[in-house]
Amino acid sequence: MKTSTFALIAGIVYLALGLLGLVPATLMPPPADAPATHFALLYGYLLGLFPVNILHTIMNIAIGVCGLMAWSDRMDSMGFARAMAVVGGVLAVMGMLPMLNTVFGLMPLHAHNIWLHAITALAGAYVGWREPIAARERRHAAPDRRQRMIPVPVERRFGLADRREHFASISVA
């Protein structure tokens, strides 16, 4: 999978989760034993699985927008994948710790959010660090000389009788 494809998929998933978090009909009330948060606005379990509140929803929307920007080359898709690996890993570990599973009462990171962030971190790490930076995206590489359309008179002006000769072989006396 290319890094731009990962950015597109992660962007769509997180943007969809963020937008669904803004719809009260998709939120189930949290159970009685769920950790309390200070921000109770739109606090509930998204689709009955993921605990969210307004801050978590805004974070999901921001991640989704960044993913779509990385896919459309407005951001570096390799940097997005690596950032998702680090941020997702940190959020997954924070969700497992009892004192940090609500980020000091700001947003919930427990329950099914742990595996969602862990899978995102693993996928981001695989895509972000699987190959060298120089060869990561072939679509941005300079095209082959044979594919560039250079008019023949321009080449003859430099003394090249044949297109197969290189500009570097010209010696200036």
Protein backbone atom coordinates (compact mmCIF):
# COMPACT_ATOMS: atom_id res chain seq x y z
CA MET A 1 0.00 0.00 0.00
CA LYS A 2 1.31 3.43 -0.89
CA THR A 3 1.50 6.11 1.76
CA SER A 4 -1.01 8.24 -0.12
CA THR A 5 -3.50 5.33 -0.13
CA PHE A 6 -3.02 4.90 3.62
CA ALA A 7 -3.59 8.63 4.10
CA LEU A 8 -6.81 8.43 2.07
CA ILE A 9 -8.19 5.43 3.97
CA ALA A 10 -7.25 6.81 7.40
CA GLY A 11 -8.59 10.23 6.44
CA ILE A 12 -11.96 8.86 5.34
CA VAL A 13 -12.33 6.59 8.38
CA TYR A 14 -11.43 9.25 10.93
CA LEU A 15 -13.46 11.95 9.20
CA ALA A 16 -16.47 9.62 9.11
CA LEU A 17 -16.05 8.77 12.81
CA GLY A 18 -15.71 12.46 13.62
CA LEU A 19 -18.80 13.47 11.67
CA LEU A 20 -20.82 10.61 13.15
CA GLY A 21 -19.75 11.79 16.61
CA LEU A 22 -21.56 15.05 15.95
CA VAL A 23 -24.88 13.26 15.35
CA PRO A 24 -26.61 12.58 18.70
CA ALA A 25 -28.62 9.70 17.22
CA THR A 26 -25.41 7.66 16.73
CA LEU A 27 -24.40 8.00 20.40
CA MET A 28 -25.45 5.52 23.07
CA PRO A 29 -25.41 6.65 26.70
CA PRO A 30 -22.28 5.53 28.55
CA PRO A 31 -22.62 2.69 31.06
CA ALA A 32 -22.65 3.47 34.75
CA ASP A 33 -19.12 2.12 35.27
CA ALA A 34 -17.58 4.24 32.47
CA PRO A 35 -14.95 6.77 33.56
CA ALA A 36 -16.34 10.27 33.91
CA THR A 37 -15.10 13.20 31.85
CA HIS A 38 -15.27 16.93 32.50
CA PHE A 39 -16.60 17.57 28.98
CA ALA A 40 -20.00 15.88 28.91
CA LEU A 41 -21.08 17.55 25.66
CA LEU A 42 -21.94 14.78 23.18
CA TYR A 43 -20.44 12.21 25.56
CA GLY A 44 -21.48 8.69 24.69
CA TYR A 45 -20.50 5.55 22.87
CA LEU A 46 -20.37 6.09 19.11
CA LEU A 47 -22.30 3.24 17.44
CA GLY A 48 -22.26 1.57 20.86
CA LEU A 49 -18.51 0.86 20.57
CA PHE A 50 -16.25 3.90 20.77
CA PRO A 51 -16.48 6.31 23.72
CA VAL A 52 -16.37 9.89 22.42
CA ASN A 53 -17.13 13.42 23.50
CA ILE A 54 -16.87 16.74 21.68
CA LEU A 55 -13.07 16.98 22.10
CA HIS A 56 -12.52 13.45 20.82
CA THR A 57 -14.83 14.16 17.90
CA ILE A 58 -12.90 17.32 17.01
CA MET A 59 -9.65 15.33 17.19
CA ASN A 60 -11.09 12.68 14.83
CA ILE A 61 -12.21 15.35 12.36
CA ALA A 62 -8.77 17.01 12.47
CA ILE A 63 -7.02 13.67 11.82
CA GLY A 64 -9.41 12.95 8.95
CA VAL A 65 -8.82 16.33 7.33
CA CYS A 66 -5.04 15.93 7.69
CA GLY A 67 -5.30 12.48 6.07
CA LEU A 68 -7.20 13.87 3.10
CA MET A 69 -4.70 16.73 2.81
CA ALA A 70 -1.83 14.21 2.81
CA TRP A 71 -3.59 12.18 0.12
CA SER A 72 -4.01 15.24 -2.10
CA ASP A 73 -0.31 16.22 -1.69
CA ARG A 74 -1.02 19.32 0.40
CA MET A 75 0.91 17.58 3.19
CA ASP A 76 3.62 14.94 3.20
CA SER A 77 1.91 11.53 3.21
CA MET A 78 5.01 9.85 4.66
CA GLY A 79 5.04 12.35 7.52
CA PHE A 80 1.31 11.78 8.07
CA ALA A 81 1.79 8.01 8.27
CA ARG A 82 4.66 8.38 10.74
CA ALA A 83 2.72 10.89 12.83
CA MET A 84 -0.26 8.53 12.91
CA ALA A 85 2.05 5.74 14.10
CA VAL A 86 3.39 7.84 16.96
CA VAL A 87 0.11 9.52 17.95
CA GLY A 88 -1.92 6.31 17.61
CA GLY A 89 0.60 4.40 19.71
CA VAL A 90 0.60 7.04 22.42
CA LEU A 91 -3.21 7.17 22.48
CA ALA A 92 -3.45 3.35 22.66
CA VAL A 93 -1.02 3.20 25.59
CA MET A 94 -2.79 6.08 27.34
CA GLY A 95 -6.11 4.26 26.93
CA MET A 96 -4.70 1.21 28.74
CA LEU A 97 -3.52 3.18 31.78
CA PRO A 98 -6.28 3.78 34.34
CA MET A 99 -5.05 7.25 35.28
CA LEU A 100 -4.77 8.43 31.66
CA ASN A 101 -7.69 6.65 29.96
CA THR A 102 -9.66 9.91 29.96
CA VAL A 103 -6.65 12.26 29.46
CA PHE A 104 -7.20 13.79 32.89
CA GLY A 105 -10.95 13.96 32.35
CA LEU A 106 -10.83 15.70 28.95
CA MET A 107 -11.61 12.96 26.41
CA PRO A 108 -12.23 9.21 26.67
CA LEU A 109 -9.60 6.85 25.26
CA HIS A 110 -10.70 3.58 26.86
CA ALA A 111 -12.71 0.57 25.61
CA HIS A 112 -12.68 0.00 21.84
CA ASN A 113 -10.69 3.17 21.19
CA ILE A 114 -7.59 1.27 22.35
CA TRP A 115 -7.63 -1.27 19.51
CA LEU A 116 -8.68 1.37 16.94
CA HIS A 117 -5.69 3.54 17.85
CA ALA A 118 -3.39 0.50 18.05
CA ILE A 119 -4.37 -0.73 14.57
CA THR A 120 -3.92 2.77 13.19
CA ALA A 121 -0.49 2.99 14.82
CA LEU A 122 0.62 -0.37 13.43
CA ALA A 123 -0.60 0.44 9.93
CA GLY A 124 0.99 3.89 10.05
CA ALA A 125 4.29 2.43 11.24
CA TYR A 126 4.29 -0.19 8.50
CA VAL A 127 3.48 2.28 5.75
CA GLY A 128 5.64 5.08 7.14
CA TRP A 129 8.87 3.16 7.68
CA ARG A 130 8.70 0.19 5.32
CA GLU A 131 10.93 1.52 2.53
CA PRO A 132 13.59 4.17 2.02
CA ILE A 133 12.45 7.75 1.60
CA ALA A 134 14.18 8.13 -1.79
CA ALA A 135 12.08 5.44 -3.46
CA ARG A 136 8.82 5.83 -1.54
CA GLU A 137 6.70 7.47 -4.21
CA ARG A 138 7.48 6.78 -7.85
CA ARG A 139 4.92 9.28 -9.11
CA HIS A 140 7.07 12.20 -7.96
CA ALA A 141 10.28 10.93 -9.56
CA ALA A 142 11.73 12.73 -12.55
CA PRO A 143 10.57 11.11 -15.79
CA ASP A 144 12.96 9.30 -18.04
CA ARG A 145 14.68 11.43 -20.71
CA ARG A 146 13.00 9.43 -23.45
CA GLN A 147 9.58 10.36 -22.06
CA ARG A 148 10.31 14.09 -21.98
CA MET A 149 9.31 15.77 -25.17
CA ILE A 150 12.23 18.00 -26.20
CA PRO A 151 11.92 19.45 -29.67
CA VAL A 152 14.60 18.36 -32.12
CA PRO A 153 15.75 21.93 -33.01
CA VAL A 154 16.55 22.55 -29.33
CA GLU A 155 18.73 19.46 -29.26
CA ARG A 156 20.46 20.32 -32.52
CA ARG A 157 21.22 23.78 -31.20
CA PHE A 158 23.33 22.09 -28.54
CA GLY A 159 25.11 20.06 -31.21
CA LEU A 160 23.33 16.77 -30.60
CA ALA A 161 22.81 14.87 -33.81
CA ASP A 162 20.82 12.14 -32.13
CA ARG A 163 18.34 12.13 -29.23
CA ARG A 164 20.21 9.25 -27.61
CA GLU A 165 23.21 11.46 -26.90
CA HIS A 166 23.25 13.20 -23.55
CA PHE A 167 23.50 16.90 -22.79
CA ALA A 168 26.26 16.10 -20.29
CA SER A 169 28.52 14.79 -23.06
CA ILE A 170 28.81 18.30 -24.60
CA SER A 171 32.20 19.78 -23.95
CA VAL A 172 32.57 23.54 -23.90
CA ALA A 173 35.90 24.66 -25.32
